[in-house]
Amino acid sequence: MMPLVYFQILSAILFGIGAYGVLARRSAVLILMSIELMLNAANINLIAVAAHREGLGHFANFDGHIIAIFIITIAAAEVGLAMAIILRMFRNRGTVDVSQINVMKW
C-alpha cells in the first residue's frame, strides 16, 4: 500500500490549483470548475485516510467513502444551480465575466 503522505500531497496540490483558479479567474464557469477541483481534492483526502485507517470505528473503512459520496451529491446540486445562475446572467448581461457583472445595481 502507498503511504498516506502521497495522497495528501496530491490533495494539497489539487486544492492549491483550485484555490488559485477561484482567486485568479474572471470567468464564472472557470471559477465553478475550480471549486469542483477543490471539492475533488477533499474527496481524495477523505478516501485516502479512510483506506489508510483500515477498519477503525463503527463504519470500518467506509466512513470516508460515505462522506465523499455526500460531497459528490452536494457538488452535483451546486453545479446545477450555479450553471442555471450563470446562464441567466449571460442571457441578461451578455457576459459571464465576474468583474463586469454588478448584480446589485439596477
Protein backbone atom coordinates (compact mmCIF):
# COMPACT_ATOMS: atom_id res chain seq x y z
CA MET A 1 0.00 0.00 0.00
CA MET A 2 1.19 3.52 -0.79
CA PRO A 3 1.95 5.83 2.12
CA LEU A 4 -0.75 8.30 3.07
CA VAL A 5 1.53 11.28 2.58
CA TYR A 6 1.50 10.87 -1.23
CA PHE A 7 -2.27 11.21 -1.33
CA GLN A 8 -2.16 14.19 1.00
CA ILE A 9 0.43 15.90 -1.19
CA LEU A 10 -1.70 15.24 -4.28
CA SER A 11 -4.76 16.57 -2.48
CA ALA A 12 -2.90 19.69 -1.34
CA ILE A 13 -1.62 20.38 -4.87
CA LEU A 14 -5.09 19.98 -6.39
CA PHE A 15 -6.61 22.16 -3.67
CA GLY A 16 -3.97 24.83 -4.27
CA ILE A 17 -4.62 24.80 -8.03
CA GLY A 18 -8.34 25.13 -7.33
CA ALA A 19 -7.81 27.99 -4.88
CA TYR A 20 -5.63 29.79 -7.43
CA GLY A 21 -8.33 29.29 -10.05
CA VAL A 22 -11.00 30.77 -7.80
CA LEU A 23 -8.89 33.80 -6.93
CA ALA A 24 -7.31 34.48 -10.34
CA ARG A 25 -10.02 33.70 -12.90
CA ARG A 26 -12.60 36.14 -14.19
CA SER A 27 -14.99 33.71 -15.89
CA ALA A 28 -17.77 32.37 -13.72
CA VAL A 29 -17.58 28.97 -15.44
CA LEU A 30 -13.85 28.63 -14.70
CA ILE A 31 -14.43 29.68 -11.09
CA LEU A 32 -17.08 26.97 -10.81
CA MET A 33 -14.67 24.40 -12.26
CA SER A 34 -12.01 25.47 -9.74
CA ILE A 35 -14.46 24.99 -6.87
CA GLU A 36 -15.20 21.49 -8.16
CA LEU A 37 -11.45 20.78 -8.26
CA MET A 38 -11.18 21.83 -4.63
CA LEU A 39 -14.06 19.53 -3.67
CA ASN A 40 -12.42 16.63 -5.51
CA ALA A 41 -9.18 17.29 -3.64
CA ALA A 42 -11.10 16.97 -0.38
CA ASN A 43 -12.65 13.72 -1.63
CA ILE A 44 -9.22 12.26 -2.46
CA ASN A 45 -8.03 13.11 1.02
CA LEU A 46 -11.10 11.60 2.72
CA ILE A 47 -10.93 8.35 0.78
CA ALA A 48 -7.17 8.01 1.26
CA VAL A 49 -7.47 8.48 5.02
CA ALA A 50 -10.38 6.03 5.18
CA ALA A 51 -8.38 3.41 3.26
CA HIS A 52 -5.32 4.03 5.41
CA ARG A 53 -7.21 3.58 8.71
CA GLU A 54 -8.25 0.03 7.74
CA GLY A 55 -11.27 -0.60 9.90
CA LEU A 56 -11.16 1.70 12.90
CA GLY A 57 -14.53 2.89 14.18
CA HIS A 58 -18.14 1.89 13.70
CA PHE A 59 -18.24 2.13 9.89
CA ALA A 60 -14.96 0.28 9.42
CA ASN A 61 -13.19 1.88 6.47
CA PHE A 62 -16.34 3.19 4.79
CA ASP A 63 -16.72 6.42 6.77
CA GLY A 64 -14.53 8.46 4.40
CA HIS A 65 -16.30 6.94 1.41
CA ILE A 66 -19.72 7.86 2.79
CA ILE A 67 -18.69 11.46 3.38
CA ALA A 68 -17.14 11.61 -0.12
CA ILE A 69 -20.42 10.41 -1.64
CA PHE A 70 -22.26 13.17 0.25
CA ILE A 71 -19.77 15.72 -1.07
CA ILE A 72 -20.24 14.45 -4.64
CA THR A 73 -24.02 14.70 -4.25
CA ILE A 74 -23.86 18.24 -2.89
CA ALA A 75 -21.37 19.21 -5.63
CA ALA A 76 -23.73 17.94 -8.32
CA ALA A 77 -26.59 20.02 -6.90
CA GLU A 78 -24.27 23.02 -6.60
CA VAL A 79 -23.17 22.72 -10.24
CA GLY A 80 -26.76 22.51 -11.45
CA LEU A 81 -27.81 25.59 -9.51
CA ALA A 82 -24.67 27.57 -10.34
CA MET A 83 -24.89 26.80 -14.05
CA ALA A 84 -28.52 27.97 -14.06
CA ILE A 85 -27.47 31.24 -12.39
CA ILE A 86 -24.54 31.67 -14.80
CA LEU A 87 -26.78 31.01 -17.81
CA ARG A 88 -29.31 33.57 -16.54
CA MET A 89 -26.52 36.12 -16.01
CA PHE A 90 -25.27 35.54 -19.53
CA ARG A 91 -28.72 35.99 -21.01
CA ASN A 92 -29.37 39.19 -19.04
CA ARG A 93 -25.93 40.82 -19.22
CA GLY A 94 -24.27 39.16 -22.21
CA THR A 95 -21.13 38.15 -20.30
CA VAL A 96 -20.01 35.75 -17.60
CA ASP A 97 -17.02 37.89 -16.59
CA VAL A 98 -17.47 38.39 -12.86
CA SER A 99 -15.62 41.71 -12.84
CA GLN A 100 -18.08 43.22 -15.34
CA ILE A 101 -21.24 41.94 -13.68
CA ASN A 102 -22.58 44.07 -10.87
CA VAL A 103 -25.82 42.34 -9.89
CA MET A 104 -26.66 44.70 -7.02
CA LYS A 105 -27.04 47.76 -9.31
CA TRP A 106 -30.20 48.36 -11.31
